[in-house]
N, C-alpha and C. Protein backbone atom coordinates (compact mmCIF):
# COMPACT_ATOMS: atom_id res chain seq x y z
N MET A 1 40.98 -0.83 -27.34
CA MET A 1 39.79 -0.08 -26.99
C MET A 1 38.61 -0.67 -27.76
N GLU A 2 37.53 -0.78 -27.07
CA GLU A 2 36.33 -1.38 -27.65
C GLU A 2 35.61 -0.35 -28.50
N GLN A 3 35.27 -0.78 -29.70
CA GLN A 3 34.53 0.14 -30.57
C GLN A 3 33.05 -0.19 -30.47
N ARG A 4 32.28 0.86 -30.29
CA ARG A 4 30.84 0.68 -30.24
C ARG A 4 30.24 1.31 -31.48
N SER A 5 29.16 0.73 -31.91
CA SER A 5 28.50 1.30 -33.09
C SER A 5 27.87 2.63 -32.71
N ARG A 6 27.59 3.40 -33.69
CA ARG A 6 26.99 4.71 -33.47
C ARG A 6 25.66 4.57 -32.72
N THR A 7 24.89 3.53 -33.05
CA THR A 7 23.60 3.32 -32.40
C THR A 7 23.80 3.05 -30.92
N ASP A 8 24.77 2.19 -30.61
CA ASP A 8 25.04 1.90 -29.20
C ASP A 8 25.47 3.17 -28.46
N LYS A 9 26.31 3.98 -29.09
CA LYS A 9 26.80 5.22 -28.49
C LYS A 9 25.65 6.17 -28.24
N ASP A 10 24.74 6.30 -29.26
CA ASP A 10 23.59 7.20 -29.11
C ASP A 10 22.70 6.73 -27.98
N GLN A 11 22.51 5.44 -27.88
CA GLN A 11 21.63 4.92 -26.83
C GLN A 11 22.25 5.08 -25.46
N ALA A 12 23.54 4.93 -25.41
CA ALA A 12 24.21 5.05 -24.11
C ALA A 12 24.17 6.47 -23.59
N SER A 13 24.25 7.46 -24.49
CA SER A 13 24.27 8.85 -24.05
C SER A 13 22.88 9.43 -23.89
N ALA A 14 21.85 8.75 -24.40
CA ALA A 14 20.49 9.28 -24.31
C ALA A 14 19.92 8.99 -22.94
N THR A 15 19.21 9.96 -22.44
CA THR A 15 18.52 9.76 -21.17
C THR A 15 17.17 9.14 -21.47
N PRO A 16 16.56 8.47 -20.51
CA PRO A 16 15.28 7.81 -20.75
C PRO A 16 14.19 8.76 -21.26
N THR A 17 14.20 10.02 -20.86
CA THR A 17 13.15 10.95 -21.29
C THR A 17 13.35 11.43 -22.71
N GLU A 18 14.55 11.31 -23.26
CA GLU A 18 14.78 11.75 -24.63
C GLU A 18 14.17 10.79 -25.64
N ASN A 19 13.93 9.55 -25.26
CA ASN A 19 13.37 8.56 -26.17
C ASN A 19 11.84 8.58 -26.19
N VAL A 20 11.26 9.32 -25.33
CA VAL A 20 9.80 9.39 -25.23
C VAL A 20 9.33 10.70 -25.84
N ARG A 21 8.28 10.64 -26.67
CA ARG A 21 7.74 11.85 -27.29
C ARG A 21 7.06 12.70 -26.23
N ASN A 22 7.23 13.96 -26.32
CA ASN A 22 6.66 14.89 -25.37
C ASN A 22 5.16 14.99 -25.60
N PRO A 23 4.34 14.57 -24.63
CA PRO A 23 2.89 14.60 -24.83
C PRO A 23 2.32 16.00 -24.95
N THR A 24 3.02 17.01 -24.51
CA THR A 24 2.50 18.38 -24.61
C THR A 24 2.86 19.03 -25.93
N LYS A 25 3.78 18.42 -26.66
CA LYS A 25 4.19 18.97 -27.95
C LYS A 25 3.15 18.57 -29.00
N PRO A 26 2.68 19.48 -29.83
CA PRO A 26 1.68 19.12 -30.85
C PRO A 26 2.27 18.13 -31.87
N ILE A 27 1.37 17.32 -32.43
CA ILE A 27 1.78 16.33 -33.42
C ILE A 27 2.20 17.05 -34.71
N SER A 28 3.26 16.56 -35.32
CA SER A 28 3.74 17.20 -36.54
C SER A 28 2.83 16.84 -37.72
N ARG A 29 2.92 17.61 -38.77
CA ARG A 29 2.14 17.35 -39.97
C ARG A 29 2.47 15.98 -40.54
N ARG A 30 3.72 15.59 -40.52
CA ARG A 30 4.15 14.29 -41.04
C ARG A 30 3.55 13.16 -40.21
N GLN A 31 3.54 13.31 -38.88
CA GLN A 31 2.95 12.29 -38.02
C GLN A 31 1.43 12.20 -38.26
N TRP A 32 0.81 13.36 -38.39
CA TRP A 32 -0.64 13.38 -38.62
C TRP A 32 -0.98 12.68 -39.94
N MET A 33 -0.21 12.93 -41.00
CA MET A 33 -0.45 12.29 -42.29
C MET A 33 -0.25 10.78 -42.19
N GLY A 34 0.71 10.33 -41.39
CA GLY A 34 0.92 8.90 -41.19
C GLY A 34 -0.26 8.24 -40.50
N VAL A 35 -0.79 8.91 -39.48
CA VAL A 35 -1.95 8.39 -38.77
C VAL A 35 -3.16 8.35 -39.70
N ALA A 36 -3.38 9.42 -40.46
CA ALA A 36 -4.52 9.48 -41.39
C ALA A 36 -4.40 8.40 -42.47
N ALA A 37 -3.20 8.22 -43.02
CA ALA A 37 -3.01 7.19 -44.05
C ALA A 37 -3.27 5.80 -43.47
N GLY A 38 -2.84 5.57 -42.26
CA GLY A 38 -3.10 4.29 -41.62
C GLY A 38 -4.59 4.04 -41.41
N GLY A 39 -5.30 5.09 -41.01
CA GLY A 39 -6.75 4.97 -40.83
C GLY A 39 -7.46 4.67 -42.14
N VAL A 40 -7.07 5.38 -43.20
CA VAL A 40 -7.67 5.14 -44.51
C VAL A 40 -7.39 3.72 -44.98
N ALA A 41 -6.17 3.24 -44.77
CA ALA A 41 -5.81 1.88 -45.17
C ALA A 41 -6.63 0.86 -44.39
N THR A 42 -6.85 1.10 -43.12
CA THR A 42 -7.64 0.19 -42.30
C THR A 42 -9.08 0.13 -42.79
N ILE A 43 -9.68 1.28 -43.04
CA ILE A 43 -11.07 1.33 -43.53
C ILE A 43 -11.17 0.67 -44.90
N ALA A 44 -10.22 0.93 -45.78
CA ALA A 44 -10.24 0.30 -47.11
C ALA A 44 -10.15 -1.21 -47.00
N THR A 45 -9.34 -1.70 -46.09
CA THR A 45 -9.21 -3.14 -45.90
C THR A 45 -10.52 -3.74 -45.40
N ILE A 46 -11.17 -3.06 -44.48
CA ILE A 46 -12.45 -3.55 -43.96
C ILE A 46 -13.47 -3.64 -45.08
N PHE A 47 -13.57 -2.61 -45.90
CA PHE A 47 -14.54 -2.64 -47.00
C PHE A 47 -14.15 -3.67 -48.06
N ALA A 48 -12.87 -3.86 -48.29
CA ALA A 48 -12.44 -4.83 -49.30
C ALA A 48 -12.79 -6.26 -48.88
N PHE A 49 -12.74 -6.53 -47.59
CA PHE A 49 -12.99 -7.88 -47.11
C PHE A 49 -14.34 -8.04 -46.43
N ARG A 50 -15.23 -7.09 -46.62
CA ARG A 50 -16.53 -7.20 -45.93
C ARG A 50 -17.31 -8.43 -46.38
N GLY A 51 -17.03 -8.94 -47.57
CA GLY A 51 -17.70 -10.16 -48.03
C GLY A 51 -16.87 -11.40 -47.77
N PHE A 52 -15.75 -11.25 -47.04
CA PHE A 52 -14.86 -12.38 -46.78
C PHE A 52 -15.64 -13.49 -46.10
N GLY A 53 -15.49 -14.70 -46.61
CA GLY A 53 -16.20 -15.84 -46.03
C GLY A 53 -17.52 -16.12 -46.70
N ARG A 54 -18.01 -15.20 -47.49
CA ARG A 54 -19.25 -15.43 -48.22
C ARG A 54 -18.93 -16.22 -49.47
N ARG A 55 -19.90 -16.92 -49.92
CA ARG A 55 -19.74 -17.72 -51.12
C ARG A 55 -19.86 -16.80 -52.34
N ALA A 56 -18.98 -16.97 -53.28
CA ALA A 56 -19.05 -16.21 -54.52
C ALA A 56 -20.27 -16.68 -55.32
N PRO A 57 -20.92 -15.76 -56.03
CA PRO A 57 -22.07 -16.20 -56.82
C PRO A 57 -21.65 -17.24 -57.85
N ALA A 58 -22.50 -18.21 -58.00
CA ALA A 58 -22.23 -19.26 -58.97
C ALA A 58 -22.25 -18.70 -60.38
N ALA A 59 -21.44 -19.28 -61.22
CA ALA A 59 -21.43 -18.87 -62.62
C ALA A 59 -22.75 -19.28 -63.26
N ALA A 60 -23.23 -18.46 -64.17
CA ALA A 60 -24.48 -18.75 -64.86
C ALA A 60 -24.34 -20.05 -65.65
N ILE A 61 -25.37 -20.86 -65.61
CA ILE A 61 -25.36 -22.15 -66.30
C ILE A 61 -26.05 -21.99 -67.65
N PRO A 62 -25.38 -22.31 -68.74
CA PRO A 62 -26.01 -22.16 -70.05
C PRO A 62 -27.04 -23.25 -70.33
N VAL A 63 -28.13 -22.82 -70.96
CA VAL A 63 -29.22 -23.71 -71.35
C VAL A 63 -29.51 -23.47 -72.83
N THR A 64 -29.64 -24.54 -73.59
CA THR A 64 -30.10 -24.41 -74.97
C THR A 64 -31.48 -25.06 -75.03
N MET A 65 -32.49 -24.24 -75.31
CA MET A 65 -33.86 -24.73 -75.37
C MET A 65 -34.32 -24.81 -76.82
N TYR A 66 -34.90 -25.95 -77.18
CA TYR A 66 -35.43 -26.16 -78.53
C TYR A 66 -36.95 -26.13 -78.43
N THR A 67 -37.56 -25.28 -79.24
CA THR A 67 -39.00 -25.11 -79.20
C THR A 67 -39.52 -24.71 -80.57
N SER A 68 -40.84 -24.75 -80.72
CA SER A 68 -41.44 -24.24 -81.95
C SER A 68 -41.77 -22.77 -81.73
N GLU A 69 -41.99 -22.04 -82.80
CA GLU A 69 -42.21 -20.60 -82.64
C GLU A 69 -43.60 -20.26 -82.09
N ASP A 70 -44.52 -21.19 -82.10
CA ASP A 70 -45.88 -20.88 -81.65
C ASP A 70 -46.18 -21.43 -80.25
N CYS A 71 -45.18 -21.43 -79.36
CA CYS A 71 -45.37 -21.98 -78.01
C CYS A 71 -45.01 -20.92 -76.96
N PRO A 72 -45.99 -20.16 -76.47
CA PRO A 72 -45.69 -19.10 -75.49
C PRO A 72 -45.26 -19.64 -74.12
N CYS A 73 -45.73 -20.82 -73.73
CA CYS A 73 -45.36 -21.34 -72.41
C CYS A 73 -43.87 -21.69 -72.34
N CYS A 74 -43.28 -22.05 -73.47
CA CYS A 74 -41.85 -22.36 -73.50
C CYS A 74 -41.03 -21.13 -73.13
N HIS A 75 -41.45 -19.99 -73.65
CA HIS A 75 -40.73 -18.75 -73.36
C HIS A 75 -40.92 -18.34 -71.90
N LYS A 76 -42.07 -18.68 -71.32
CA LYS A 76 -42.29 -18.42 -69.89
C LYS A 76 -41.39 -19.32 -69.05
N TRP A 77 -41.22 -20.57 -69.47
CA TRP A 77 -40.31 -21.47 -68.76
C TRP A 77 -38.88 -20.93 -68.85
N ALA A 78 -38.48 -20.44 -70.02
CA ALA A 78 -37.14 -19.86 -70.19
C ALA A 78 -36.95 -18.67 -69.25
N ALA A 79 -37.97 -17.83 -69.11
CA ALA A 79 -37.89 -16.69 -68.19
C ALA A 79 -37.75 -17.16 -66.74
N HIS A 80 -38.45 -18.23 -66.39
CA HIS A 80 -38.34 -18.82 -65.05
C HIS A 80 -36.91 -19.30 -64.81
N MET A 81 -36.31 -19.94 -65.79
CA MET A 81 -34.94 -20.43 -65.65
C MET A 81 -33.95 -19.27 -65.52
N GLU A 82 -34.13 -18.23 -66.31
CA GLU A 82 -33.25 -17.07 -66.25
C GLU A 82 -33.36 -16.37 -64.91
N ALA A 83 -34.57 -16.31 -64.35
CA ALA A 83 -34.76 -15.70 -63.04
C ALA A 83 -34.04 -16.49 -61.95
N SER A 84 -33.73 -17.75 -62.23
CA SER A 84 -33.03 -18.61 -61.27
C SER A 84 -31.53 -18.71 -61.56
N GLY A 85 -31.02 -17.87 -62.45
CA GLY A 85 -29.59 -17.81 -62.69
C GLY A 85 -29.07 -18.55 -63.90
N PHE A 86 -29.95 -19.13 -64.69
CA PHE A 86 -29.53 -19.80 -65.92
C PHE A 86 -29.49 -18.77 -67.05
N VAL A 87 -28.73 -19.07 -68.09
CA VAL A 87 -28.70 -18.25 -69.30
C VAL A 87 -29.27 -19.11 -70.42
N VAL A 88 -30.42 -18.69 -70.95
CA VAL A 88 -31.14 -19.53 -71.91
C VAL A 88 -30.97 -19.01 -73.33
N ALA A 89 -30.53 -19.89 -74.21
CA ALA A 89 -30.49 -19.61 -75.65
C ALA A 89 -31.65 -20.39 -76.27
N THR A 90 -32.57 -19.68 -76.90
CA THR A 90 -33.74 -20.33 -77.50
C THR A 90 -33.48 -20.61 -78.97
N MET A 91 -33.65 -21.88 -79.33
CA MET A 91 -33.49 -22.30 -80.71
C MET A 91 -34.87 -22.70 -81.24
N THR A 92 -35.40 -21.90 -82.14
CA THR A 92 -36.69 -22.21 -82.75
C THR A 92 -36.45 -23.17 -83.91
N VAL A 93 -37.11 -24.33 -83.83
CA VAL A 93 -36.92 -25.36 -84.86
C VAL A 93 -38.28 -25.75 -85.43
N ALA A 94 -38.27 -26.17 -86.67
CA ALA A 94 -39.52 -26.57 -87.33
C ALA A 94 -40.07 -27.88 -86.76
N ASP A 95 -39.17 -28.79 -86.39
CA ASP A 95 -39.60 -30.10 -85.89
C ASP A 95 -38.90 -30.40 -84.56
N VAL A 96 -39.58 -30.12 -83.46
CA VAL A 96 -39.01 -30.35 -82.12
C VAL A 96 -38.88 -31.85 -81.85
N SER A 97 -39.76 -32.64 -82.43
CA SER A 97 -39.71 -34.10 -82.22
C SER A 97 -38.38 -34.70 -82.65
N SER A 98 -37.79 -34.18 -83.71
CA SER A 98 -36.51 -34.72 -84.16
C SER A 98 -35.41 -34.44 -83.12
N LYS A 99 -35.48 -33.31 -82.44
CA LYS A 99 -34.53 -33.00 -81.36
C LYS A 99 -34.74 -33.96 -80.19
N LYS A 100 -36.01 -34.24 -79.88
CA LYS A 100 -36.33 -35.18 -78.80
C LYS A 100 -35.78 -36.56 -79.13
N ASP A 101 -35.92 -36.97 -80.39
CA ASP A 101 -35.36 -38.25 -80.83
C ASP A 101 -33.84 -38.25 -80.70
N GLN A 102 -33.23 -37.16 -81.14
CA GLN A 102 -31.77 -37.02 -81.09
C GLN A 102 -31.26 -37.13 -79.65
N PHE A 103 -31.98 -36.55 -78.69
CA PHE A 103 -31.56 -36.57 -77.29
C PHE A 103 -32.05 -37.80 -76.52
N GLY A 104 -32.82 -38.65 -77.17
CA GLY A 104 -33.27 -39.88 -76.53
C GLY A 104 -34.38 -39.70 -75.51
N VAL A 105 -35.26 -38.74 -75.72
CA VAL A 105 -36.38 -38.53 -74.80
C VAL A 105 -37.46 -39.55 -75.11
N PRO A 106 -37.82 -40.41 -74.14
CA PRO A 106 -38.88 -41.39 -74.39
C PRO A 106 -40.19 -40.71 -74.77
N VAL A 107 -40.94 -41.33 -75.67
CA VAL A 107 -42.18 -40.74 -76.20
C VAL A 107 -43.17 -40.41 -75.08
N ASP A 108 -43.30 -41.29 -74.09
CA ASP A 108 -44.28 -41.06 -73.02
C ASP A 108 -43.88 -39.95 -72.04
N LEU A 109 -42.66 -39.40 -72.15
CA LEU A 109 -42.21 -38.32 -71.27
C LEU A 109 -42.21 -36.95 -71.95
N ARG A 110 -42.58 -36.90 -73.21
CA ARG A 110 -42.42 -35.67 -73.99
C ARG A 110 -43.40 -34.57 -73.60
N SER A 111 -42.91 -33.35 -73.84
CA SER A 111 -43.68 -32.14 -73.58
C SER A 111 -43.47 -31.21 -74.77
N CYS A 112 -43.65 -29.92 -74.55
CA CYS A 112 -43.59 -28.98 -75.67
C CYS A 112 -42.19 -28.50 -76.04
N HIS A 113 -41.24 -28.53 -75.11
CA HIS A 113 -39.88 -28.08 -75.42
C HIS A 113 -38.86 -29.02 -74.79
N THR A 114 -37.66 -28.98 -75.34
CA THR A 114 -36.56 -29.80 -74.87
C THR A 114 -35.36 -28.89 -74.67
N ALA A 115 -34.62 -29.12 -73.58
CA ALA A 115 -33.45 -28.29 -73.31
C ALA A 115 -32.25 -29.17 -73.03
N GLU A 116 -31.10 -28.63 -73.33
CA GLU A 116 -29.84 -29.29 -73.03
C GLU A 116 -29.12 -28.40 -72.01
N ILE A 117 -28.80 -29.02 -70.85
CA ILE A 117 -28.19 -28.27 -69.76
C ILE A 117 -27.07 -29.12 -69.14
N GLY A 118 -25.86 -28.65 -69.22
CA GLY A 118 -24.74 -29.34 -68.58
C GLY A 118 -24.56 -30.78 -69.02
N GLY A 119 -24.88 -31.09 -70.25
CA GLY A 119 -24.73 -32.45 -70.75
C GLY A 119 -25.95 -33.33 -70.49
N TYR A 120 -26.97 -32.77 -69.87
CA TYR A 120 -28.21 -33.50 -69.59
C TYR A 120 -29.35 -32.95 -70.46
N VAL A 121 -30.42 -33.73 -70.52
CA VAL A 121 -31.63 -33.32 -71.24
C VAL A 121 -32.69 -32.96 -70.22
N VAL A 122 -33.36 -31.84 -70.45
CA VAL A 122 -34.48 -31.43 -69.59
C VAL A 122 -35.68 -31.28 -70.51
N GLU A 123 -36.68 -32.11 -70.25
CA GLU A 123 -37.88 -32.15 -71.10
C GLU A 123 -39.05 -31.52 -70.36
N GLY A 124 -39.61 -30.49 -70.97
CA GLY A 124 -40.82 -29.88 -70.42
C GLY A 124 -40.58 -28.88 -69.31
N HIS A 125 -41.61 -28.72 -68.49
CA HIS A 125 -41.68 -27.64 -67.51
C HIS A 125 -41.09 -28.03 -66.16
N VAL A 126 -39.82 -28.42 -66.15
CA VAL A 126 -39.12 -28.82 -64.94
C VAL A 126 -38.72 -27.56 -64.16
N PRO A 127 -39.03 -27.50 -62.86
CA PRO A 127 -38.63 -26.34 -62.05
C PRO A 127 -37.11 -26.17 -61.98
N ALA A 128 -36.66 -24.92 -61.97
CA ALA A 128 -35.23 -24.61 -61.93
C ALA A 128 -34.54 -25.21 -60.72
N GLY A 129 -35.19 -25.21 -59.58
CA GLY A 129 -34.58 -25.79 -58.38
C GLY A 129 -34.28 -27.27 -58.54
N ASP A 130 -35.17 -27.99 -59.21
CA ASP A 130 -34.94 -29.42 -59.45
C ASP A 130 -33.78 -29.61 -60.43
N VAL A 131 -33.69 -28.75 -61.42
CA VAL A 131 -32.57 -28.83 -62.38
C VAL A 131 -31.25 -28.60 -61.66
N LYS A 132 -31.19 -27.60 -60.79
CA LYS A 132 -29.95 -27.32 -60.05
C LYS A 132 -29.56 -28.50 -59.16
N ARG A 133 -30.52 -29.07 -58.49
CA ARG A 133 -30.24 -30.21 -57.62
C ARG A 133 -29.75 -31.41 -58.44
N PHE A 134 -30.39 -31.65 -59.59
CA PHE A 134 -30.00 -32.75 -60.46
C PHE A 134 -28.57 -32.54 -60.98
N LEU A 135 -28.25 -31.33 -61.39
CA LEU A 135 -26.90 -31.03 -61.87
C LEU A 135 -25.86 -31.23 -60.77
N ALA A 136 -26.20 -30.85 -59.55
CA ALA A 136 -25.28 -31.00 -58.43
C ALA A 136 -25.02 -32.47 -58.10
N GLU A 137 -26.01 -33.31 -58.33
CA GLU A 137 -25.87 -34.75 -58.04
C GLU A 137 -24.99 -35.47 -59.05
N ARG A 138 -24.81 -34.88 -60.23
CA ARG A 138 -24.03 -35.50 -61.32
C ARG A 138 -24.48 -36.94 -61.55
N SER A 139 -25.76 -37.09 -61.74
CA SER A 139 -26.39 -38.39 -61.92
C SER A 139 -25.94 -39.09 -63.20
N ALA A 140 -26.05 -40.41 -63.19
CA ALA A 140 -25.75 -41.21 -64.38
C ALA A 140 -26.96 -41.24 -65.32
N GLU A 141 -28.07 -40.67 -64.87
CA GLU A 141 -29.28 -40.65 -65.69
C GLU A 141 -29.13 -39.66 -66.84
N ARG A 142 -29.99 -39.81 -67.83
CA ARG A 142 -29.93 -38.98 -69.04
C ARG A 142 -30.48 -37.59 -68.82
N GLY A 143 -31.52 -37.46 -67.97
CA GLY A 143 -32.09 -36.15 -67.75
C GLY A 143 -33.35 -36.17 -66.90
N LEU A 144 -34.06 -35.05 -66.92
CA LEU A 144 -35.30 -34.86 -66.18
C LEU A 144 -36.43 -34.56 -67.14
N ALA A 145 -37.64 -34.92 -66.72
CA ALA A 145 -38.81 -34.62 -67.56
C ALA A 145 -40.04 -34.37 -66.69
N VAL A 146 -40.87 -33.45 -67.17
CA VAL A 146 -42.22 -33.27 -66.66
C VAL A 146 -43.11 -33.55 -67.87
N PRO A 147 -43.67 -34.76 -67.94
CA PRO A 147 -44.49 -35.12 -69.10
C PRO A 147 -45.72 -34.22 -69.22
N GLY A 148 -46.09 -33.93 -70.46
CA GLY A 148 -47.27 -33.11 -70.70
C GLY A 148 -47.02 -31.65 -70.34
N MET A 149 -48.09 -30.97 -69.99
CA MET A 149 -48.01 -29.55 -69.65
C MET A 149 -48.90 -29.29 -68.43
N PRO A 150 -48.48 -29.77 -67.24
CA PRO A 150 -49.35 -29.65 -66.07
C PRO A 150 -49.52 -28.20 -65.60
N GLY A 151 -50.74 -27.86 -65.27
CA GLY A 151 -51.05 -26.53 -64.76
C GLY A 151 -50.32 -26.28 -63.45
N GLY A 152 -49.76 -25.09 -63.33
CA GLY A 152 -49.03 -24.73 -62.12
C GLY A 152 -47.53 -24.98 -62.21
N SER A 153 -47.09 -25.68 -63.24
CA SER A 153 -45.65 -25.89 -63.41
C SER A 153 -45.04 -24.62 -64.00
N PRO A 154 -43.71 -24.42 -63.88
CA PRO A 154 -43.09 -23.22 -64.42
C PRO A 154 -43.40 -23.04 -65.91
N GLY A 155 -43.94 -21.90 -66.25
CA GLY A 155 -44.36 -21.61 -67.62
C GLY A 155 -45.82 -21.91 -67.86
N MET A 156 -46.41 -22.67 -66.96
CA MET A 156 -47.84 -23.04 -67.07
C MET A 156 -48.58 -22.56 -65.82
N GLU A 157 -48.21 -21.38 -65.34
CA GLU A 157 -48.82 -20.84 -64.14
C GLU A 157 -50.29 -20.52 -64.41
N SER A 158 -51.13 -21.43 -64.01
CA SER A 158 -52.57 -21.24 -64.24
C SER A 158 -53.34 -21.94 -63.14
N ASP A 159 -54.59 -21.62 -63.06
CA ASP A 159 -55.49 -22.29 -62.12
C ASP A 159 -56.30 -23.31 -62.91
N PRO A 160 -56.57 -24.43 -62.41
CA PRO A 160 -56.07 -24.90 -61.12
C PRO A 160 -54.68 -25.51 -61.26
N LYS A 161 -53.92 -25.40 -60.18
CA LYS A 161 -52.61 -26.05 -60.14
C LYS A 161 -52.87 -27.53 -59.87
N VAL A 162 -52.22 -28.36 -60.66
CA VAL A 162 -52.39 -29.80 -60.48
C VAL A 162 -51.07 -30.39 -59.99
N PRO A 163 -51.14 -31.40 -59.15
CA PRO A 163 -49.89 -32.03 -58.72
C PRO A 163 -49.22 -32.75 -59.90
N TYR A 164 -47.92 -32.73 -59.92
CA TYR A 164 -47.19 -33.42 -60.99
C TYR A 164 -45.88 -33.95 -60.44
N GLU A 165 -45.26 -34.83 -61.21
CA GLU A 165 -43.99 -35.42 -60.83
C GLU A 165 -42.90 -35.00 -61.81
N VAL A 166 -41.73 -34.80 -61.27
CA VAL A 166 -40.53 -34.59 -62.08
C VAL A 166 -39.83 -35.94 -62.11
N LEU A 167 -39.65 -36.47 -63.31
CA LEU A 167 -39.08 -37.80 -63.47
C LEU A 167 -37.64 -37.71 -63.98
N ALA A 168 -36.78 -38.52 -63.38
CA ALA A 168 -35.43 -38.69 -63.91
C ALA A 168 -35.50 -39.90 -64.82
N PHE A 169 -34.88 -39.80 -65.99
CA PHE A 169 -34.93 -40.93 -66.93
C PHE A 169 -33.54 -41.32 -67.41
N ARG A 170 -33.43 -42.60 -67.72
CA ARG A 170 -32.17 -43.16 -68.22
C ARG A 170 -32.25 -43.31 -69.74
N ALA A 171 -31.13 -43.59 -70.34
CA ALA A 171 -31.07 -43.78 -71.79
C ALA A 171 -31.94 -44.95 -72.24
N ASP A 172 -32.14 -45.95 -71.37
CA ASP A 172 -32.96 -47.11 -71.74
C ASP A 172 -34.46 -46.86 -71.54
N GLY A 173 -34.81 -45.65 -71.08
CA GLY A 173 -36.22 -45.29 -70.92
C GLY A 173 -36.77 -45.52 -69.53
N THR A 174 -36.02 -46.15 -68.63
CA THR A 174 -36.51 -46.34 -67.27
C THR A 174 -36.53 -45.02 -66.52
N THR A 175 -37.46 -44.89 -65.59
CA THR A 175 -37.62 -43.62 -64.87
C THR A 175 -37.69 -43.87 -63.36
N ARG A 176 -37.48 -42.79 -62.64
CA ARG A 176 -37.73 -42.75 -61.20
C ARG A 176 -38.28 -41.38 -60.87
N VAL A 177 -39.05 -41.28 -59.81
CA VAL A 177 -39.58 -39.99 -59.39
C VAL A 177 -38.44 -39.22 -58.73
N PHE A 178 -38.11 -38.07 -59.29
CA PHE A 178 -37.06 -37.23 -58.77
C PHE A 178 -37.62 -36.22 -57.77
N ALA A 179 -38.82 -35.69 -58.07
CA ALA A 179 -39.46 -34.70 -57.19
C ALA A 179 -40.96 -34.72 -57.45
N ARG A 180 -41.70 -34.22 -56.47
CA ARG A 180 -43.15 -34.04 -56.61
C ARG A 180 -43.48 -32.58 -56.36
N ALA A 181 -44.39 -32.08 -57.16
CA ALA A 181 -44.79 -30.68 -56.98
C ALA A 181 -46.30 -30.58 -56.94
């Protein structure tokens, strides 16, 4: 005699209408809780992944700025950098020129402050956007500089705004125009 499993026996004796839920019968509390839990899980998943595919915010880039204590435009440049996502540590030093010498900033490119960012040197009032682009390029150059203190540059927001160049410089002192503002 052939033995059938209990499941097979139950299925064989069940009529087609016994396997279908009665649409006129009210939903049980257990069924209702299952539907509600499923809905909550679906909504939670949608909210959890609502940013899916978006780029995560970039990590803040640390900046060490060397300046003298009597230079207000340097602090304005630091605020400009922080507004663009950098984290600036200000180091007040008695002799900024010695830091410029240490970092190899050519004399003709010098300004009021010097910063170290991602292994590069940033001299003067270089716009944050240019610094970000330079960092992304991973250039072989030593750094960027805006010689002097041109009006209209970050930290020197004044009238009249004068056109200026952002220069990329090498350790040997050679330069190229990186950007114009």
